[in-house]
């Protein structure tokens, strides 16, 4: 009898819990954006005969329920804590904690993706740069996890860089791996810290035959920075601090964005985005397809073109001292085939600067 009452109590309690969360999920106003995960949340799909027959309604409804589940962030945090510290799993959805950093496991080396990136770079070179009298350089930004793997990924990075160098033999390769460590990256995010990479800028500038050695004033954002890994892991973690470097040249430089279809003058450091969804986007306003930085106090007429991903946003300002103009191009957001509609290559320095993770998953390059 006692067992029967006990079993009945468990069934009633679980049924009440499930019913309660279900009603809560139905009644709560759907959120549109997850600040912790930096992504748009699924919304209630349209209910019509076509969606029901095709099965799209149920597929999309599952995403909606998962994204809008009550206390979702807290439940994810409990799950992450249990899997990492109770059940001693190596990672949670590819994330783990090491030496005070949240780290993302590297994907297995994908030679096909490296080939895709190499083919894309070669197309750009042959179509627009080859006969322009421009000097072309290539550098790979290693992911943070490569410094926190106890040497296990040394062979991984060596193979990746060797494969990419074979595919870009027409470029001068600049190795920056020896200059970096895990502490040059944010603890809760994948990106490097601007205040830690002035030596990288100096190395790359020197390899391109110019000089980036100059003094900076270090500034600190007052708001804490919770990087993208923080939201994905869902565990309590000390936030990072964003610092940014200024000097007379940086302060006087003029940034022009073309994201709205017309030239718009912006700042090197966008303070509106510094308090927005992703504060790292304060650097050159984040991922923009095509922007220019003009240096009105330049002592040279040299120009630099950087093909880049998001790491380039915090890096490019450290080279402006050496150039009259820097053009940044992100071919994740514009087609390579239309480059000649935006820029004429003529005696510039050209730098291809990409993170190892993007090269290993390069289908975003257009």
Protein backbone atom coordinates (compact mmCIF):
# COMPACT_ATOMS: atom_id res chain seq x y z
CA UNK A 1 0.00 0.00 0.00
CA UNK A 2 2.83 2.39 0.94
CA UNK A 3 4.63 1.62 -2.34
CA UNK A 4 1.42 2.24 -4.25
CA UNK A 5 0.96 5.64 -2.57
CA UNK A 6 4.61 6.47 -3.13
CA UNK A 7 4.42 5.58 -6.85
CA UNK A 8 1.18 7.48 -7.24
CA UNK A 9 2.73 10.53 -5.57
CA UNK A 10 5.67 10.44 -7.97
CA UNK A 11 3.35 10.14 -10.99
CA UNK A 12 1.10 12.97 -9.79
CA UNK A 13 4.10 15.22 -9.01
CA UNK A 14 5.74 14.63 -12.37
CA UNK A 15 2.46 15.10 -14.21
CA UNK A 16 1.85 18.37 -12.36
CA UNK A 17 5.40 19.54 -13.12
CA UNK A 18 5.09 18.73 -16.82
CA UNK A 19 1.63 20.27 -17.03
CA UNK A 20 2.79 23.37 -15.18
CA UNK A 21 5.75 23.93 -17.50
CA UNK A 22 3.56 23.25 -20.54
CA UNK A 23 0.98 25.83 -19.47
CA UNK A 24 3.77 28.29 -18.61
CA UNK A 25 5.31 27.75 -22.04
CA UNK A 26 1.98 28.44 -23.76
CA UNK A 27 1.13 31.52 -21.71
CA UNK A 28 4.55 33.22 -21.58
CA UNK A 29 5.27 35.89 -24.17
CA UNK A 30 7.79 34.48 -26.69
CA UNK A 31 11.24 36.06 -26.58
CA UNK A 32 12.82 37.05 -29.89
CA UNK A 33 16.51 37.04 -28.99
CA UNK A 34 18.84 35.20 -26.62
CA UNK A 35 21.48 37.61 -25.33
CA UNK A 36 23.37 34.76 -23.67
CA UNK A 37 23.62 32.74 -26.90
CA UNK A 38 23.81 35.71 -29.31
CA UNK A 39 21.14 34.37 -31.62
CA UNK A 40 17.55 34.86 -32.71
CA UNK A 41 15.07 32.46 -31.09
CA UNK A 42 12.54 30.39 -33.00
CA UNK A 43 9.01 31.79 -33.13
CA UNK A 44 5.62 30.08 -33.31
CA UNK A 45 5.28 28.68 -36.86
CA UNK A 46 2.29 29.60 -38.99
CA UNK A 47 -0.50 27.06 -38.69
CA UNK A 48 -2.01 26.21 -42.06
CA UNK A 49 -2.90 23.14 -44.09
CA UNK A 50 0.23 23.36 -46.26
CA UNK A 51 2.59 23.39 -43.25
CA UNK A 52 0.72 20.52 -41.59
CA UNK A 53 0.73 18.30 -44.68
CA UNK A 54 4.41 18.95 -45.42
CA UNK A 55 5.41 18.32 -41.80
CA UNK A 56 7.07 21.75 -41.56
CA UNK A 57 4.76 22.85 -38.76
CA UNK A 58 5.79 20.09 -36.35
CA UNK A 59 9.48 20.44 -37.24
CA UNK A 60 9.43 24.19 -36.61
CA UNK A 61 7.19 23.78 -33.55
CA UNK A 62 9.82 21.57 -31.93
CA UNK A 63 12.42 24.33 -32.40
CA UNK A 64 9.96 26.89 -31.02
CA UNK A 65 9.22 24.85 -27.87
CA UNK A 66 12.92 24.23 -27.23
CA UNK A 67 13.86 27.90 -27.69
CA UNK A 68 10.95 29.29 -25.66
CA UNK A 69 11.04 26.77 -22.79
CA UNK A 70 10.67 28.53 -19.39
CA UNK A 71 13.88 28.99 -17.38
CA UNK A 72 15.83 27.71 -20.37
CA UNK A 73 19.14 29.36 -19.44
CA UNK A 74 19.00 28.09 -15.85
CA UNK A 75 18.17 24.55 -16.96
CA UNK A 76 21.04 24.64 -19.46
CA UNK A 77 23.34 25.74 -16.64
CA UNK A 78 22.23 22.86 -14.42
CA UNK A 79 22.77 20.45 -17.32
CA UNK A 80 26.27 21.78 -18.01
CA UNK A 81 27.25 21.63 -14.33
CA UNK A 82 25.97 18.07 -13.98
CA UNK A 83 27.70 16.79 -17.09
CA UNK A 84 31.06 18.49 -16.42
CA UNK A 85 31.39 18.21 -12.63
CA UNK A 86 29.05 15.39 -11.55
CA UNK A 87 29.34 12.92 -14.42
CA UNK A 88 32.86 14.14 -15.32
CA UNK A 89 32.21 14.40 -19.04
CA UNK A 90 35.05 15.87 -21.08
CA UNK A 91 32.84 18.56 -22.60
CA UNK A 92 29.27 19.80 -22.97
CA UNK A 93 28.26 20.26 -26.60
CA UNK A 94 31.91 20.77 -27.49
CA UNK A 95 32.65 23.25 -24.67
CA UNK A 96 34.85 22.69 -21.62
CA UNK A 97 36.66 24.73 -18.97
CA UNK A 98 40.47 24.82 -18.81
CA UNK A 99 42.83 27.18 -16.93
CA UNK A 100 40.04 29.68 -16.31
CA UNK A 101 38.96 29.74 -19.96
CA UNK A 102 35.81 28.43 -21.62
CA UNK A 103 37.15 26.51 -24.58
CA UNK A 104 35.53 25.04 -27.68
CA UNK A 105 36.85 21.72 -28.95
CA UNK A 106 38.32 21.91 -32.41
CA UNK A 107 36.50 20.11 -35.18
CA UNK A 108 38.42 17.31 -36.91
CA UNK A 109 40.70 18.65 -39.61
CA UNK A 110 38.68 18.92 -42.81
CA UNK A 111 40.99 18.86 -45.83
CA UNK A 112 38.06 19.47 -48.17
CA UNK A 113 37.22 22.71 -46.35
CA UNK A 114 40.86 23.84 -46.49
CA UNK A 115 40.75 23.13 -50.21
CA UNK A 116 37.58 25.20 -50.57
CA UNK A 117 39.23 28.16 -48.82
CA UNK A 118 42.38 27.75 -50.92
CA UNK A 119 40.35 27.67 -54.13
CA UNK A 120 38.45 30.80 -53.10
CA UNK A 121 41.67 32.71 -52.34
CA UNK A 122 43.23 31.59 -55.61
CA UNK A 123 40.15 32.73 -57.55
CA UNK A 124 40.41 36.18 -55.96
CA UNK A 125 44.12 36.37 -56.65
CA UNK A 126 43.90 35.25 -60.29
CA UNK A 127 40.81 37.36 -61.07
CA UNK A 128 41.71 40.66 -59.41
CA UNK A 129 45.21 40.82 -57.89
CA UNK A 130 47.67 38.84 -60.02
CA UNK A 131 48.49 41.58 -62.52
CA UNK A 132 48.08 44.53 -60.14
CA UNK A 133 51.69 44.83 -58.91
CA UNK A 134 50.42 44.15 -55.37
CA UNK A 135 52.34 42.21 -52.72
CA UNK A 136 50.19 39.44 -51.22
CA UNK A 137 50.55 37.95 -47.72
CA UNK A 138 48.81 35.25 -45.73
CA UNK A 139 48.56 34.61 -42.00
CA UNK A 140 46.52 32.19 -39.88
CA UNK A 141 45.09 33.15 -36.49
CA UNK A 142 45.22 30.04 -34.27
CA UNK A 143 42.11 29.27 -32.23
CA UNK A 144 42.36 29.59 -28.45
CA UNK A 145 41.90 25.85 -27.92
CA UNK A 146 45.24 25.19 -29.60
CA UNK A 147 47.00 26.69 -26.58
CA UNK A 148 44.99 24.74 -23.98
CA UNK A 149 45.31 21.19 -25.22
CA UNK A 150 48.57 20.14 -23.49
CA UNK A 151 50.26 19.81 -26.87
CA UNK A 152 47.65 17.44 -28.25
CA UNK A 153 46.76 19.75 -31.13
CA UNK A 154 50.29 20.74 -32.18
CA UNK A 155 50.11 18.25 -35.03
CA UNK A 156 46.63 19.54 -35.91
CA UNK A 157 47.79 23.13 -36.38
CA UNK A 158 50.98 22.08 -38.15
CA UNK A 159 49.00 20.04 -40.67
CA UNK A 160 46.41 22.82 -41.13
CA UNK A 161 49.06 25.49 -41.76
CA UNK A 162 51.04 23.20 -44.09
CA UNK A 163 47.94 22.41 -46.13
CA UNK A 164 46.98 26.08 -46.43
CA UNK A 165 50.52 27.13 -47.34
CA UNK A 166 50.55 24.56 -50.15
CA UNK A 167 47.34 26.09 -51.47
CA UNK A 168 48.62 29.68 -51.20
CA UNK A 169 52.18 29.29 -52.46
CA UNK A 170 51.85 32.58 -54.37
CA UNK A 171 51.49 34.46 -51.06
CA UNK A 172 54.16 35.26 -48.47
CA UNK A 173 53.27 33.39 -45.29
CA UNK A 174 53.58 35.18 -41.93
CA UNK A 175 53.66 32.87 -38.90
CA UNK A 176 52.20 34.49 -35.77
CA UNK A 177 51.62 31.33 -33.70
CA UNK A 178 54.81 31.77 -31.58
CA UNK A 179 53.66 35.22 -30.45
CA UNK A 180 50.35 34.08 -28.98
CA UNK A 181 49.13 32.25 -25.88
CA UNK A 182 45.74 31.46 -24.35
CA UNK A 183 45.91 34.62 -22.23
CA UNK A 184 45.90 36.74 -25.38
CA UNK A 185 42.25 35.68 -25.84
CA UNK A 186 39.13 36.49 -23.82
CA UNK A 187 38.25 33.85 -21.24
CA UNK A 188 34.58 33.69 -22.22
CA UNK A 189 34.93 34.27 -25.96
CA UNK A 190 36.80 33.02 -29.02
CA UNK A 191 38.40 36.33 -30.01
CA UNK A 192 41.80 37.74 -29.17
CA UNK A 193 42.26 40.84 -27.00
CA UNK A 194 43.38 43.95 -28.82
CA UNK A 195 45.67 45.08 -26.01
CA UNK A 196 47.56 41.77 -26.30
CA UNK A 197 48.29 41.72 -30.03
CA UNK A 198 50.39 44.82 -30.71
CA UNK A 199 53.39 42.48 -31.11
CA UNK A 200 51.42 40.52 -33.73
CA UNK A 201 50.71 43.76 -35.60
CA UNK A 202 54.40 44.64 -35.44
CA UNK A 203 55.39 41.22 -36.79
CA UNK A 204 52.94 41.36 -39.70
CA UNK A 205 53.80 44.98 -40.51
CA UNK A 206 57.52 44.17 -40.51
CA UNK A 207 56.96 41.20 -42.84
CA UNK A 208 55.11 43.54 -45.22
CA UNK A 209 58.01 45.99 -45.19
CA UNK A 210 56.51 48.65 -42.96
CA UNK A 211 56.47 49.57 -39.27
CA UNK A 212 53.59 49.41 -36.78
CA UNK A 213 55.62 50.25 -33.70
CA UNK A 214 53.92 53.07 -31.81
CA UNK A 215 52.60 53.94 -28.38
CA UNK A 216 48.96 53.60 -27.33
CA UNK A 217 46.65 54.72 -24.58
CA UNK A 218 44.79 51.76 -23.11
CA UNK A 219 41.10 52.38 -22.45
CA UNK A 220 38.68 50.12 -20.55
CA UNK A 221 34.96 49.63 -21.08
CA UNK A 222 33.06 49.94 -17.82
CA UNK A 223 30.53 47.23 -18.71
CA UNK A 224 31.53 43.58 -18.21
CA UNK A 225 31.95 41.43 -21.33
CA UNK A 226 30.23 38.04 -21.41
CA UNK A 227 31.53 36.31 -24.53
CA UNK A 228 29.69 33.92 -26.80
CA UNK A 229 31.04 30.84 -24.99
CA UNK A 230 29.60 32.10 -21.71
CA UNK A 231 26.06 31.94 -23.04
CA UNK A 232 26.55 28.64 -24.81
CA UNK A 233 27.90 26.89 -21.70
CA UNK A 234 25.35 28.41 -19.33
CA UNK A 235 27.55 28.27 -16.19
CA UNK A 236 28.38 31.14 -13.80
CA UNK A 237 31.71 32.55 -14.93
CA UNK A 238 33.75 35.68 -14.30
CA UNK A 239 33.17 38.14 -17.15
CA UNK A 240 35.96 39.56 -19.28
CA UNK A 241 36.90 43.20 -19.63
CA UNK A 242 37.20 44.80 -23.04
CA UNK A 243 40.12 47.16 -23.49
CA UNK A 244 40.83 49.17 -26.60
CA UNK A 245 43.87 51.12 -27.77
CA UNK A 246 43.97 54.70 -28.99
CA UNK A 247 46.54 57.24 -30.09
CA UNK A 248 46.56 60.38 -32.20
CA UNK A 249 46.50 58.47 -35.50
CA UNK A 250 43.66 56.16 -34.51
CA UNK A 251 41.65 59.07 -33.13
CA UNK A 252 42.02 61.10 -36.33
CA UNK A 253 41.36 58.24 -38.77
CA UNK A 254 38.07 58.18 -40.68
CA UNK A 255 36.10 54.95 -41.12
CA UNK A 256 33.63 54.61 -43.99
CA UNK A 257 31.06 51.82 -44.03
CA UNK A 258 29.07 50.71 -47.08
CA UNK A 259 26.70 48.28 -45.33
CA UNK A 260 23.65 50.46 -45.99
CA UNK A 261 24.33 50.71 -49.71
CA UNK A 262 25.90 54.16 -49.48
CA UNK A 263 29.02 55.61 -47.78
CA UNK A 264 28.50 56.27 -44.08
CA UNK A 265 31.20 57.72 -41.84
CA UNK A 266 31.60 55.81 -38.58
CA UNK A 267 34.17 55.50 -35.80
CA UNK A 268 36.94 52.96 -35.33
CA UNK A 269 35.35 52.18 -31.95
CA UNK A 270 31.55 52.11 -32.07
CA UNK A 271 30.45 52.95 -28.54
CA UNK A 272 26.81 52.29 -29.32
CA UNK A 273 27.65 48.66 -30.08
CA UNK A 274 29.89 48.51 -27.03
CA UNK A 275 26.72 48.48 -24.93
CA UNK A 276 24.75 46.28 -27.33
CA UNK A 277 24.16 42.57 -27.86
CA UNK A 278 27.82 41.77 -28.57
CA UNK A 279 30.28 44.35 -27.19
CA UNK A 280 33.12 42.93 -29.32
CA UNK A 281 31.32 44.53 -32.26
CA UNK A 282 32.57 47.89 -30.98
CA UNK A 283 35.72 47.21 -33.04
CA UNK A 284 34.99 48.69 -36.49
CA UNK A 285 31.26 48.07 -35.90
CA UNK A 286 31.65 44.29 -36.11
CA UNK A 287 31.37 42.14 -39.21
CA UNK A 288 30.96 44.51 -42.15
CA UNK A 289 31.32 43.36 -45.75
CA UNK A 290 33.36 46.35 -46.96
CA UNK A 291 34.83 49.25 -44.99
CA UNK A 292 37.74 51.66 -45.40
CA UNK A 293 39.94 53.42 -42.85
CA UNK A 294 41.63 56.61 -44.05
CA UNK A 295 44.57 58.07 -42.18
CA UNK A 296 44.70 61.85 -42.80
CA UNK A 297 48.03 62.25 -40.96
CA UNK A 298 49.82 59.47 -42.83
CA UNK A 299 53.42 60.09 -43.83
CA UNK A 300 53.13 57.58 -46.68
CA UNK A 301 50.77 56.88 -49.56
CA UNK A 302 50.87 53.11 -49.05
CA UNK A 303 47.58 51.24 -48.98
CA UNK A 304 46.62 47.91 -47.43
CA UNK A 305 43.73 45.56 -48.29
CA UNK A 306 42.78 42.95 -45.66
CA UNK A 307 40.59 39.96 -46.45
CA UNK A 308 39.42 38.99 -43.00
CA UNK A 309 36.94 37.47 -40.57
CA UNK A 310 35.81 38.96 -37.25
CA UNK A 311 39.32 38.79 -35.72
CA UNK A 312 40.41 41.49 -38.15
CA UNK A 313 38.10 44.09 -36.61
CA UNK A 314 40.27 44.55 -33.52
CA UNK A 315 43.52 44.00 -35.42
CA UNK A 316 43.27 46.45 -38.32
CA UNK A 317 43.40 49.67 -36.21
CA UNK A 318 46.89 48.66 -35.04
CA UNK A 319 48.22 48.91 -38.62
CA UNK A 320 46.74 52.28 -39.60
CA UNK A 321 49.90 54.10 -38.46
CA UNK A 322 51.73 52.52 -41.41
CA UNK A 323 49.22 53.22 -44.16
CA UNK A 324 47.26 56.08 -45.69
CA UNK A 325 44.31 53.76 -46.28
CA UNK A 326 43.22 50.31 -45.14
CA UNK A 327 40.36 48.49 -46.87
CA UNK A 328 38.75 45.56 -45.06
CA UNK A 329 36.80 42.97 -47.05
CA UNK A 330 34.74 40.18 -45.52
CA UNK A 331 33.72 37.70 -48.22
CA UNK A 332 31.36 35.97 -45.81
CA UNK A 333 29.00 38.87 -46.54
CA UNK A 334 29.76 39.76 -50.16
CA UNK A 335 30.35 37.77 -53.33
CA UNK A 336 33.98 37.52 -54.41
CA UNK A 337 32.90 37.87 -58.04
CA UNK A 338 31.85 41.52 -57.55
CA UNK A 339 35.05 42.76 -55.90
CA UNK A 340 36.00 44.85 -58.92
CA UNK A 341 32.80 46.86 -58.43
CA UNK A 342 34.13 48.07 -55.07
CA UNK A 343 37.91 48.21 -55.34
CA UNK A 344 40.66 48.44 -57.92
CA UNK A 345 43.81 46.57 -56.99
CA UNK A 346 46.86 48.63 -57.89
CA UNK A 347 50.17 48.39 -56.04
CA UNK A 348 48.66 47.76 -52.59
CA UNK A 349 49.77 45.39 -49.87
CA UNK A 350 47.17 42.62 -49.63
CA UNK A 351 46.79 40.50 -46.48
CA UNK A 352 44.62 37.40 -46.15
CA UNK A 353 44.10 37.04 -42.37
CA UNK A 354 41.82 34.23 -41.22
CA UNK A 355 41.23 32.17 -38.09
CA UNK A 356 41.99 28.46 -38.21
CA UNK A 357 38.38 27.61 -37.33
CA UNK A 358 36.99 29.50 -40.32
CA UNK A 359 39.50 27.89 -42.69
CA UNK A 360 38.47 24.48 -41.36
CA UNK A 361 34.81 25.30 -41.99
CA UNK A 362 35.04 27.64 -44.94
CA UNK A 363 31.69 27.29 -46.69
CA UNK A 364 30.77 30.76 -45.35
CA UNK A 365 33.27 32.26 -47.82
CA UNK A 366 31.40 33.46 -50.90
